[in-house]
Protein backbone atom coordinates (compact mmCIF):
# COMPACT_ATOMS: atom_id res chain seq x y z
CA MET A 1 -244.15 -172.78 91.03
CA LYS A 2 -241.64 -171.68 93.68
CA ASN A 3 -239.50 -174.74 92.92
CA LEU A 4 -239.47 -173.90 89.20
CA MET A 5 -238.40 -170.36 90.02
CA ASP A 6 -235.60 -171.52 92.26
CA GLU A 7 -234.47 -173.95 89.48
CA SER A 8 -234.48 -171.19 86.91
CA LYS A 9 -232.42 -168.94 89.22
CA THR A 10 -229.97 -171.76 89.73
CA LEU A 11 -229.60 -172.35 86.06
CA GLU A 12 -229.06 -168.62 85.43
CA GLU A 13 -226.37 -168.55 88.12
CA LEU A 14 -224.65 -171.62 86.54
CA LYS A 15 -224.79 -169.90 83.19
CA GLN A 16 -223.20 -166.86 84.54
CA GLU A 17 -220.49 -168.80 86.35
CA LEU A 18 -219.78 -170.71 83.12
CA ALA A 19 -219.63 -167.55 81.01
CA LYS A 20 -217.25 -165.93 83.65
CA GLU A 21 -214.96 -168.98 83.53
CA GLU A 22 -214.94 -168.96 79.79
CA LEU A 23 -214.03 -165.26 79.81
CA LEU A 24 -211.19 -165.83 82.27
CA GLU A 25 -209.87 -168.67 80.16
CA GLN A 26 -210.00 -166.45 77.12
CA ILE A 27 -208.12 -163.72 78.86
CA GLU A 28 -205.52 -166.23 80.13
CA LYS A 29 -205.03 -167.59 76.64
CA ASN A 30 -204.60 -164.10 75.13
CA ARG A 31 -202.46 -162.68 77.99
CA TRP A 32 -199.19 -162.80 76.12
CA LYS A 33 -200.83 -161.57 72.95
CA ASN A 34 -202.07 -158.48 74.91
CA TYR A 35 -198.68 -157.90 76.35
CA PHE A 36 -197.11 -158.03 72.94
CA HIS A 37 -199.75 -155.69 71.56
CA ILE A 38 -199.05 -153.17 74.38
CA ILE A 39 -195.33 -153.42 73.74
CA LEU A 40 -195.80 -153.03 70.00
CA LYS A 41 -198.19 -150.01 70.47
CA ASP A 42 -195.63 -148.11 72.66
CA TRP A 43 -192.38 -149.60 71.26
CA ARG A 44 -190.58 -146.21 71.30
CA LEU A 45 -190.97 -146.00 75.07
CA TYR A 46 -189.61 -149.56 75.47
CA ILE A 47 -186.59 -148.81 73.32
CA MET A 48 -185.81 -145.87 75.54
CA LEU A 49 -186.10 -148.20 78.52
CA ILE A 50 -183.26 -150.49 77.20
CA PRO A 51 -180.26 -148.27 78.31
CA MET A 52 -181.69 -148.06 81.84
CA ILE A 53 -182.08 -151.81 81.99
CA PHE A 54 -178.60 -152.34 80.64
CA TRP A 55 -177.23 -149.86 83.24
CA TYR A 56 -178.97 -151.63 86.13
CA PHE A 57 -177.93 -155.03 84.85
CA CYS A 58 -174.17 -154.11 84.53
CA TRP A 59 -173.85 -151.82 87.58
CA ARG A 60 -176.40 -153.19 90.06
CA TYR A 61 -176.95 -156.92 89.36
CA ILE A 62 -173.63 -158.21 88.01
CA PRO A 63 -171.57 -156.68 90.89
CA MET A 64 -173.82 -158.80 93.32
CA GLY A 65 -171.62 -161.74 92.36
CA GLY A 66 -168.80 -160.07 94.30
CA LEU A 67 -170.65 -160.67 97.53
CA ILE A 68 -169.21 -164.15 97.53
CA ILE A 69 -165.98 -162.58 98.72
CA ALA A 70 -167.58 -162.18 102.10
CA PHE A 71 -167.68 -165.90 102.42
CA LYS A 72 -164.16 -166.58 101.19
CA ARG A 73 -160.53 -166.05 102.14
CA PHE A 74 -160.04 -163.76 99.17
CA ASP A 75 -156.65 -163.69 97.70
CA LEU A 76 -155.72 -161.38 94.76
CA THR A 77 -153.30 -163.96 93.41
CA THR A 78 -155.89 -166.77 93.17
CA GLY A 79 -158.93 -164.55 92.20
CA MET A 80 -162.42 -164.40 93.55
CA TRP A 81 -163.74 -167.87 92.30
CA ASP A 82 -160.63 -169.85 93.19
CA SER A 83 -160.14 -168.46 96.74
CA ASN A 84 -160.89 -170.94 99.61
CA PHE A 85 -164.24 -170.75 101.29
CA ALA A 86 -164.28 -169.29 104.86
CA GLY A 87 -168.03 -169.59 105.60
CA PHE A 88 -169.30 -167.10 108.16
CA TYR A 89 -165.73 -166.57 109.62
CA HIS A 90 -165.44 -162.95 108.47
CA ILE A 91 -168.97 -161.97 109.69
CA GLN A 92 -168.28 -163.56 113.07
CA ASP A 93 -164.97 -161.74 113.28
CA LEU A 94 -166.80 -158.38 112.52
CA MET A 95 -169.55 -158.99 115.10
CA PHE A 96 -167.78 -160.76 117.88
CA GLY A 97 -164.04 -160.86 117.14
CA ASN A 98 -161.17 -158.40 117.09
CA LYS A 99 -162.90 -156.08 114.64
CA ALA A 100 -166.22 -156.05 116.60
CA LYS A 101 -165.56 -152.80 118.60
CA GLU A 102 -164.65 -150.74 115.54
CA PHE A 103 -167.44 -152.26 113.39
CA TRP A 104 -170.24 -151.70 116.00
CA GLU A 105 -168.95 -148.11 116.53
CA ALA A 106 -169.21 -147.52 112.80
CA PHE A 107 -172.59 -149.18 112.65
CA ARG A 108 -173.87 -146.92 115.59
CA ASN A 109 -172.52 -143.84 113.94
CA THR A 110 -174.15 -144.81 110.61
CA PHE A 111 -177.48 -145.31 112.30
CA LEU A 112 -177.37 -142.06 114.34
CA LEU A 113 -176.25 -140.01 111.42
CA SER A 114 -179.17 -141.40 109.26
CA PHE A 115 -181.66 -141.16 112.14
CA TYR A 116 -180.93 -137.57 112.84
CA GLY A 117 -181.06 -136.89 109.04
CA LEU A 118 -184.52 -138.48 108.94
CA VAL A 119 -185.81 -136.53 111.95
CA PHE A 120 -184.43 -133.16 111.00
CA GLY A 121 -183.73 -133.48 107.25
CA PHE A 122 -187.00 -135.12 106.08
CA PRO A 123 -189.47 -132.45 107.11
CA ILE A 124 -187.39 -129.47 105.73
CA PRO A 125 -188.14 -130.13 102.00
CA ILE A 126 -191.84 -130.48 102.77
CA ILE A 127 -191.88 -127.20 104.64
CA LEU A 128 -189.95 -125.67 101.79
CA ALA A 129 -192.51 -127.05 99.23
CA LEU A 130 -195.36 -125.56 101.31
CA PHE A 131 -193.67 -122.17 101.28
CA PHE A 132 -193.17 -122.33 97.53
CA SER A 133 -196.75 -123.21 96.99
CA GLU A 134 -197.87 -120.02 98.82
CA ILE A 135 -195.93 -117.70 96.61
CA LYS A 136 -198.35 -116.32 94.05
CA ASN A 137 -195.87 -114.53 91.81
CA ASN A 138 -194.63 -117.14 89.38
CA LEU A 139 -191.42 -115.33 88.34
CA TYR A 140 -190.43 -114.66 92.00
CA ARG A 141 -191.16 -118.38 92.88
CA SER A 142 -189.10 -119.67 89.93
CA VAL A 143 -186.14 -117.62 90.87
CA VAL A 144 -186.26 -118.68 94.53
CA GLN A 145 -186.74 -122.33 93.57
CA VAL A 146 -183.69 -122.29 91.17
CA PHE A 147 -181.50 -120.68 93.92
CA SER A 148 -182.61 -123.40 96.40
CA TYR A 149 -181.80 -126.13 93.79
CA LEU A 150 -178.32 -124.80 93.02
CA PRO A 151 -176.46 -126.32 96.09
CA ARG A 152 -177.47 -129.80 94.88
CA PHE A 153 -175.29 -129.38 91.75
CA VAL A 154 -172.25 -128.13 93.65
CA SER A 155 -169.53 -130.76 94.08
CA THR A 156 -169.19 -132.42 97.52
CA VAL A 157 -165.65 -131.19 97.55
CA VAL A 158 -166.70 -127.63 97.18
CA VAL A 159 -169.34 -127.97 99.88
CA THR A 160 -167.02 -129.42 102.41
CA THR A 161 -164.27 -126.83 101.56
CA LEU A 162 -166.82 -123.98 102.07
CA THR A 163 -167.80 -125.58 105.46
CA ILE A 164 -164.22 -125.80 106.60
CA LEU A 165 -163.54 -122.20 105.53
CA LEU A 166 -166.64 -120.93 107.31
CA LEU A 167 -165.52 -122.67 110.48
CA ARG A 168 -161.81 -122.24 110.21
CA LYS A 169 -159.78 -119.98 108.03
CA GLY A 170 -156.10 -119.48 107.30
CA SER A 171 -153.55 -121.79 105.57
CA GLU A 172 -153.54 -124.23 108.54
CA TYR A 173 -157.21 -123.48 109.53
CA ILE A 174 -156.08 -122.11 112.92
CA GLU A 175 -158.10 -118.79 113.02
CA PRO A 176 -161.85 -119.16 113.69
CA GLY A 177 -164.13 -118.54 110.58
CA VAL A 178 -167.26 -116.53 110.23
CA ILE A 179 -169.66 -119.20 111.64
CA SER A 180 -167.28 -120.07 114.52
CA ASN A 181 -166.96 -116.51 115.54
CA LEU A 182 -170.66 -116.10 115.44
CA PHE A 183 -171.15 -119.08 117.76
CA TYR A 184 -168.39 -117.83 120.07
CA ASN A 185 -169.95 -114.41 120.34
CA MET A 186 -173.41 -115.89 121.03
CA GLY A 187 -171.86 -118.05 123.76
CA LEU A 188 -173.12 -121.27 121.99
CA VAL A 189 -169.62 -122.68 121.74
CA PRO A 190 -166.67 -122.10 124.11
CA ARG A 191 -163.78 -120.25 122.55
CA THR A 192 -161.40 -122.96 123.59
CA VAL A 193 -163.19 -125.49 121.35
CA ASN A 194 -162.17 -125.94 117.71
CA MET A 195 -165.40 -126.99 116.09
CA MET A 196 -163.78 -128.77 113.19
CA TYR A 197 -161.82 -131.01 115.62
CA ALA A 198 -164.62 -131.55 118.23
CA PRO A 199 -166.36 -134.92 117.80
CA GLN A 200 -169.57 -133.71 119.49
CA TYR A 201 -170.13 -131.09 116.71
CA PHE A 202 -169.43 -133.34 113.72
CA ARG A 203 -172.95 -134.68 113.38
CA ALA A 204 -174.48 -131.19 113.56
CA ILE A 205 -172.11 -129.84 110.93
CA TYR A 206 -172.77 -132.86 108.71
CA HIS A 207 -176.51 -132.46 108.82
CA VAL A 208 -176.66 -128.69 108.51
CA THR A 209 -174.53 -128.76 105.37
CA GLY A 210 -176.60 -131.71 104.11
CA ILE A 211 -179.92 -129.93 104.57
CA TRP A 212 -178.52 -126.79 102.75
CA GLU A 213 -177.31 -128.98 99.94
CA THR A 214 -180.31 -131.17 99.36
CA ALA A 215 -183.42 -129.47 100.77
CA GLY A 216 -184.25 -127.42 97.74
CA TYR A 217 -183.86 -130.26 95.31
CA GLY A 218 -185.77 -132.58 97.54
CA SER A 219 -188.75 -130.22 97.64
CA ILE A 220 -189.44 -130.78 93.90
CA VAL A 221 -191.33 -134.00 94.50
CA TYR A 222 -193.52 -132.46 97.24
CA PHE A 223 -194.18 -129.26 95.32
CA ALA A 224 -195.40 -131.40 92.40
CA ALA A 225 -197.73 -133.24 94.73
CA ILE A 226 -199.15 -130.00 96.10
CA MET A 227 -199.70 -128.59 92.61
CA ALA A 228 -201.64 -131.78 91.73
CA ILE A 229 -204.27 -131.04 94.46
CA SER A 230 -207.44 -129.65 92.88
CA PRO A 231 -208.02 -125.86 93.64
CA THR A 232 -211.66 -126.61 94.21
CA ASN A 233 -210.69 -128.33 97.53
CA TYR A 234 -209.13 -125.00 98.72
CA GLU A 235 -212.16 -123.07 97.61
CA ALA A 236 -214.44 -125.39 99.55
CA ALA A 237 -212.22 -125.04 102.63
CA ARG A 238 -212.16 -121.20 102.30
CA ILE A 239 -216.03 -121.18 102.04
CA ASP A 240 -216.24 -123.26 105.20
CA GLY A 241 -214.02 -120.58 106.95
CA ALA A 242 -210.77 -122.58 107.16
CA SER A 243 -207.66 -120.50 107.95
CA LYS A 244 -204.41 -120.95 105.98
CA MET A 245 -203.04 -123.43 108.51
CA ALA A 246 -206.36 -125.29 108.50
CA GLN A 247 -206.19 -125.59 104.80
CA ILE A 248 -202.65 -127.07 104.94
CA ARG A 249 -203.75 -129.58 107.63
CA TYR A 250 -207.00 -130.73 106.12
CA VAL A 251 -206.37 -130.22 102.41
CA THR A 252 -202.70 -130.03 101.58
CA LEU A 253 -201.28 -132.67 103.75
CA PRO A 254 -203.94 -135.26 103.13
CA GLY A 255 -203.62 -134.63 99.34
CA MET A 256 -199.93 -135.39 99.40
CA ALA A 257 -200.18 -138.27 101.84
CA SER A 258 -199.44 -140.89 99.33
CA THR A 259 -196.29 -139.10 98.18
CA LEU A 260 -195.19 -138.57 101.73
CA THR A 261 -195.64 -142.31 102.50
CA ILE A 262 -193.65 -143.47 99.52
CA MET A 263 -190.81 -141.00 100.14
CA LEU A 264 -190.70 -141.93 103.89
CA ILE A 265 -190.43 -145.70 102.95
CA LEU A 266 -187.64 -144.92 100.57
CA ARG A 267 -185.86 -142.77 103.14
CA ILE A 268 -186.21 -145.53 105.81
CA GLY A 269 -184.68 -147.96 103.30
CA ASP A 270 -181.82 -145.54 102.77
CA LEU A 271 -181.32 -145.24 106.60
CA LEU A 272 -177.99 -147.06 106.70
CA ASN A 273 -176.67 -145.74 103.38
CA VAL A 274 -174.36 -142.93 104.33
CA GLY A 275 -171.76 -142.23 101.67
CA TYR A 276 -168.10 -142.15 102.51
CA GLU A 277 -167.15 -139.26 100.28
CA LYS A 278 -168.35 -136.36 102.54
CA ILE A 279 -167.19 -138.23 105.67
CA LEU A 280 -163.66 -138.56 104.32
CA LEU A 281 -163.55 -134.86 103.22
CA LEU A 282 -165.02 -133.45 106.42
CA ALA A 283 -163.79 -135.69 109.08
CA ASN A 284 -160.33 -135.92 110.63
CA ASP A 285 -158.50 -138.14 113.05
CA LYS A 286 -160.01 -136.43 116.20
CA THR A 287 -163.60 -136.65 114.79
CA TYR A 288 -163.55 -140.21 113.53
CA VAL A 289 -165.06 -141.30 116.91
CA THR A 290 -168.44 -139.93 115.73
CA ALA A 291 -167.68 -139.68 112.00
CA GLN A 292 -166.69 -143.27 111.13
CA VAL A 293 -169.56 -145.01 109.28
CA ILE A 294 -169.85 -148.41 107.64
CA SER A 295 -169.04 -147.16 104.14
CA SER A 296 -165.92 -145.25 105.28
CA TYR A 297 -165.01 -148.30 107.37
CA VAL A 298 -165.22 -150.50 104.23
CA TYR A 299 -163.28 -148.01 102.21
CA LYS A 300 -160.61 -147.86 105.01
CA ILE A 301 -160.02 -151.63 105.35
CA GLY A 302 -160.40 -152.01 101.53
CA MET A 303 -157.61 -149.51 100.77
CA SER A 304 -155.36 -151.09 103.34
CA ALA A 305 -156.33 -154.60 101.98
CA THR A 306 -153.95 -157.17 103.45
CA GLY A 307 -154.93 -160.75 104.11
CA GLY A 308 -158.68 -160.97 104.76
CA SER A 309 -159.37 -157.24 104.66
CA TYR A 310 -161.23 -157.41 101.23
CA SER A 311 -163.43 -160.10 102.71
CA LEU A 312 -164.01 -158.18 105.88
CA GLY A 313 -165.02 -155.12 103.89
CA ALA A 314 -167.49 -157.21 101.83
CA SER A 315 -168.91 -158.75 104.97
CA ALA A 316 -169.53 -155.33 106.50
CA ASP A 317 -171.15 -154.05 103.33
CA LEU A 318 -173.33 -157.18 103.09
CA PHE A 319 -174.49 -156.80 106.67
CA ASN A 320 -175.43 -153.20 106.01
CA ALA A 321 -177.33 -154.10 102.80
CA VAL A 322 -179.32 -156.92 104.56
CA ILE A 323 -180.38 -154.50 107.37
CA ALA A 324 -181.45 -151.88 104.82
CA MET A 325 -183.49 -154.43 102.91
CA LEU A 326 -185.18 -155.54 106.18
CA LEU A 327 -186.06 -151.91 106.96
CA VAL A 328 -187.66 -151.36 103.47
CA LEU A 329 -189.68 -154.53 103.80
CA GLY A 330 -190.77 -153.68 107.37
CA SER A 331 -191.77 -150.09 106.65
CA ASN A 332 -193.61 -151.11 103.45
CA LEU A 333 -195.46 -153.86 105.42
CA ILE A 334 -196.47 -151.38 108.17
CA SER A 335 -197.54 -148.81 105.59
CA ARG A 336 -199.65 -151.35 103.69
CA LYS A 337 -201.35 -152.43 106.99
CA ILE A 338 -202.03 -148.89 108.19
CA SER A 339 -202.96 -147.31 104.84
CA ASP A 340 -203.56 -148.34 101.17
CA THR A 341 -200.23 -146.86 100.01
CA SER A 342 -197.16 -149.04 99.67
CA LEU A 343 -194.22 -149.52 97.18
CA PHE A 344 -195.20 -153.13 96.47
């Protein structure tokens, strides 16, 4: 009797496995049909997606072909494809040759500017979003949020001009501005030091203006994550006697943990991506020791392109892009190992 029961169980298990295999085969056969059905069902959304795909293809993927310049002795007269191959000559020249000192200085400045921006700039939008979430008057909160977003829509030229005027005024920027006088009177900066021409103050000026410009706009994502947390979680915490700080620690921050992780991975991937526009507008010959970054270095040698300068610029930009890609992959892998949240 026991053997018969075991055999019946085995037969049932075999039938279930066969049924499962048939179901999987059926799903595999109908996979493309299902995809087509989904696309047909939401065809309007996919049509709206076409311009974005076109934009990425034309301005993100096609320009990748220009990376071949980094491995050629590029000549404007012969063109990109007909120029002679140089292998890794330009990359070696950047890292170990005559250009090595200037390149590694730019790389160091790029990393330090981005690292300080990550340490000091990343938490500010989160704190700002927490403050916004505690404002109960919707009208007042909306007005404050709009004013915090406005600097993001101001041109970089205007931001840098305002910065220069606040630090230095007059036609030749000789007289100290409002902010400079404040620091002089507080004894934070010696009166003999011109902050606009002092390399040691450039990074602080760059990041303070950057935080003012982007903090409000960057808080939108975090504020949306906070608003998505169920109010019942806060009610349960209040019933248990949790203070406001305890609610933020045990309810708000865990509730927005996935958003924080994704944004941190993206920020780490953007660690070496410092734009040259603000650098060129804010820096000068005396501050380039701490202000020169890879993008401004590429712009500099590209604009004075003679001989292999185009190839050197492409090599520097390629090196920067490879390091940024490795940072994204590494941070995403660490996030996946530590938690269940990752980009891919």
